[in-house]
N, C-alpha and C. Protein backbone atom coordinates (compact mmCIF):
# COMPACT_ATOMS: atom_id res chain seq x y z
N MET A 1 75.21 93.98 101.70
CA MET A 1 76.49 94.65 101.64
C MET A 1 77.22 94.19 100.38
N HIS A 2 77.81 95.15 99.69
CA HIS A 2 78.53 94.85 98.46
C HIS A 2 79.95 94.39 98.78
N PHE A 3 80.42 93.44 97.99
CA PHE A 3 81.77 92.93 98.16
C PHE A 3 82.80 94.04 98.00
N SER A 4 82.54 94.98 97.09
CA SER A 4 83.50 96.07 96.84
C SER A 4 83.67 96.96 98.07
N SER A 5 82.61 97.15 98.87
CA SER A 5 82.76 97.97 100.07
C SER A 5 83.61 97.26 101.12
N ILE A 6 83.56 95.94 101.16
CA ILE A 6 84.43 95.19 102.07
C ILE A 6 85.88 95.33 101.62
N GLU A 7 86.11 95.19 100.31
CA GLU A 7 87.47 95.35 99.77
C GLU A 7 88.01 96.74 100.07
N ASN A 8 87.19 97.77 99.85
CA ASN A 8 87.62 99.16 100.11
C ASN A 8 87.97 99.36 101.58
N TYR A 9 87.16 98.82 102.47
CA TYR A 9 87.43 98.95 103.90
C TYR A 9 88.76 98.29 104.26
N ILE A 10 88.99 97.09 103.77
CA ILE A 10 90.23 96.37 104.07
C ILE A 10 91.43 97.14 103.53
N SER A 11 91.32 97.64 102.30
CA SER A 11 92.42 98.39 101.70
C SER A 11 92.71 99.66 102.48
N ASP A 12 91.67 100.39 102.84
CA ASP A 12 91.86 101.64 103.60
C ASP A 12 92.47 101.36 104.97
N ALA A 13 91.99 100.33 105.64
CA ALA A 13 92.51 99.99 106.98
C ALA A 13 93.97 99.56 106.88
N TYR A 14 94.32 98.82 105.86
CA TYR A 14 95.69 98.38 105.68
C TYR A 14 96.61 99.56 105.40
N LEU A 15 96.19 100.45 104.51
CA LEU A 15 97.02 101.60 104.16
C LEU A 15 97.21 102.55 105.33
N ASP A 16 96.23 102.62 106.24
CA ASP A 16 96.38 103.48 107.42
C ASP A 16 97.50 103.01 108.33
N HIS A 17 97.79 101.71 108.34
CA HIS A 17 98.81 101.15 109.24
C HIS A 17 100.10 100.78 108.52
N LEU A 18 100.16 101.05 107.23
CA LEU A 18 101.33 100.67 106.42
C LEU A 18 102.49 101.62 106.68
N GLU A 19 103.63 101.07 107.02
CA GLU A 19 104.87 101.83 107.17
C GLU A 19 105.94 101.14 106.34
N PRO A 20 106.00 101.46 105.03
CA PRO A 20 106.93 100.75 104.15
C PRO A 20 108.40 101.07 104.48
N GLU A 21 109.22 100.08 104.34
CA GLU A 21 110.67 100.26 104.51
C GLU A 21 111.24 100.66 103.16
N MET A 22 111.82 101.86 103.11
CA MET A 22 112.36 102.38 101.87
C MET A 22 113.88 102.26 101.87
N GLU A 23 114.42 101.75 100.76
CA GLU A 23 115.87 101.71 100.59
C GLU A 23 116.34 103.10 100.14
N PRO A 24 117.62 103.39 100.29
CA PRO A 24 118.14 104.68 99.82
C PRO A 24 117.93 104.84 98.31
N LYS A 25 117.76 106.08 97.88
CA LYS A 25 117.56 106.37 96.46
C LYS A 25 118.74 105.89 95.63
N LYS A 26 118.46 105.27 94.49
CA LYS A 26 119.50 104.75 93.61
C LYS A 26 119.89 105.76 92.53
N GLY A 27 119.06 106.78 92.31
CA GLY A 27 119.35 107.75 91.26
C GLY A 27 119.01 107.25 89.87
N GLN A 28 118.19 106.20 89.79
CA GLN A 28 117.77 105.65 88.50
C GLN A 28 116.26 105.78 88.37
N ARG A 29 115.81 106.06 87.14
CA ARG A 29 114.39 106.21 86.90
C ARG A 29 113.85 105.00 86.15
N VAL A 30 112.61 104.66 86.45
CA VAL A 30 111.93 103.55 85.80
C VAL A 30 110.56 104.02 85.36
N ALA A 31 110.16 103.70 84.13
CA ALA A 31 108.83 104.05 83.63
C ALA A 31 107.98 102.79 83.58
N ILE A 32 106.79 102.88 84.14
CA ILE A 32 105.84 101.77 84.12
C ILE A 32 104.72 102.14 83.17
N ILE A 33 104.45 101.27 82.22
CA ILE A 33 103.37 101.50 81.26
C ILE A 33 102.19 100.64 81.69
N GLY A 34 101.09 101.29 81.99
CA GLY A 34 99.88 100.59 82.41
C GLY A 34 99.61 100.82 83.88
N SER A 35 98.32 100.90 84.23
CA SER A 35 97.96 101.16 85.61
C SER A 35 97.09 100.05 86.18
N GLY A 36 97.22 98.86 85.62
CA GLY A 36 96.48 97.72 86.15
C GLY A 36 97.14 97.18 87.40
N PRO A 37 96.66 96.07 87.90
CA PRO A 37 97.22 95.49 89.13
C PRO A 37 98.72 95.22 89.04
N ALA A 38 99.19 94.73 87.92
CA ALA A 38 100.62 94.43 87.78
C ALA A 38 101.45 95.70 87.76
N GLY A 39 100.99 96.73 87.04
CA GLY A 39 101.72 97.99 86.97
C GLY A 39 101.81 98.68 88.32
N ILE A 40 100.70 98.67 89.05
CA ILE A 40 100.69 99.30 90.38
C ILE A 40 101.60 98.54 91.33
N THR A 41 101.53 97.21 91.29
CA THR A 41 102.35 96.39 92.19
C THR A 41 103.83 96.60 91.95
N ILE A 42 104.26 96.55 90.69
CA ILE A 42 105.68 96.69 90.41
C ILE A 42 106.15 98.12 90.70
N SER A 43 105.26 99.11 90.53
CA SER A 43 105.62 100.49 90.87
C SER A 43 105.93 100.63 92.35
N VAL A 44 105.09 100.03 93.19
CA VAL A 44 105.31 100.09 94.63
C VAL A 44 106.58 99.36 95.01
N LEU A 45 106.79 98.18 94.45
CA LEU A 45 107.99 97.39 94.79
C LEU A 45 109.27 98.11 94.38
N LEU A 46 109.28 98.69 93.18
CA LEU A 46 110.48 99.40 92.72
C LEU A 46 110.72 100.67 93.52
N ALA A 47 109.65 101.38 93.88
CA ALA A 47 109.81 102.60 94.69
C ALA A 47 110.39 102.25 96.05
N ARG A 48 109.95 101.13 96.64
CA ARG A 48 110.49 100.71 97.93
C ARG A 48 111.96 100.34 97.82
N ARG A 49 112.40 99.94 96.64
CA ARG A 49 113.80 99.56 96.44
C ARG A 49 114.67 100.74 96.02
N GLY A 50 114.10 101.94 96.01
CA GLY A 50 114.91 103.13 95.78
C GLY A 50 114.89 103.70 94.37
N TYR A 51 114.06 103.17 93.50
CA TYR A 51 113.98 103.70 92.14
C TYR A 51 112.97 104.83 92.08
N ASP A 52 113.22 105.80 91.20
CA ASP A 52 112.28 106.88 90.95
C ASP A 52 111.32 106.38 89.87
N VAL A 53 110.08 106.14 90.25
CA VAL A 53 109.10 105.51 89.35
C VAL A 53 108.19 106.56 88.76
N THR A 54 108.02 106.50 87.44
CA THR A 54 107.07 107.34 86.74
C THR A 54 106.23 106.41 85.87
N GLY A 55 105.15 106.89 85.33
CA GLY A 55 104.31 105.99 84.56
C GLY A 55 103.58 106.67 83.43
N ALA A 56 103.08 105.83 82.53
CA ALA A 56 102.24 106.26 81.41
C ALA A 56 101.02 105.35 81.42
N PRO A 57 100.02 105.64 82.25
CA PRO A 57 98.90 104.73 82.43
C PRO A 57 98.06 104.49 81.19
N LEU A 58 97.99 105.46 80.28
CA LEU A 58 97.14 105.29 79.11
C LEU A 58 97.94 105.12 77.82
N ALA A 59 99.20 104.79 77.93
CA ALA A 59 100.06 104.73 76.75
C ALA A 59 99.56 103.69 75.73
N LEU A 60 99.17 102.53 76.21
CA LEU A 60 98.71 101.51 75.28
C LEU A 60 97.32 101.83 74.74
N ALA A 61 96.48 102.47 75.54
CA ALA A 61 95.14 102.84 75.08
C ALA A 61 95.23 103.88 73.97
N ALA A 62 96.22 104.77 74.05
CA ALA A 62 96.37 105.81 73.04
C ALA A 62 96.88 105.22 71.74
N TYR A 63 97.60 104.10 71.81
CA TYR A 63 98.14 103.48 70.60
C TYR A 63 97.00 102.89 69.82
């Protein structure tokens, strides 16, 4: 068994039971550059805090 299939199973099982608590919308937008672990994490955290999150995942690669 591959380690990645264990990780995928755990992630899928967790997301099936996830019920995030969302704060009211703040009316402010935030842009996240990059789609690595840090970019994804901060996107989720900011969205839960009421920010409208958008991103440019390949912005640095294009530079």
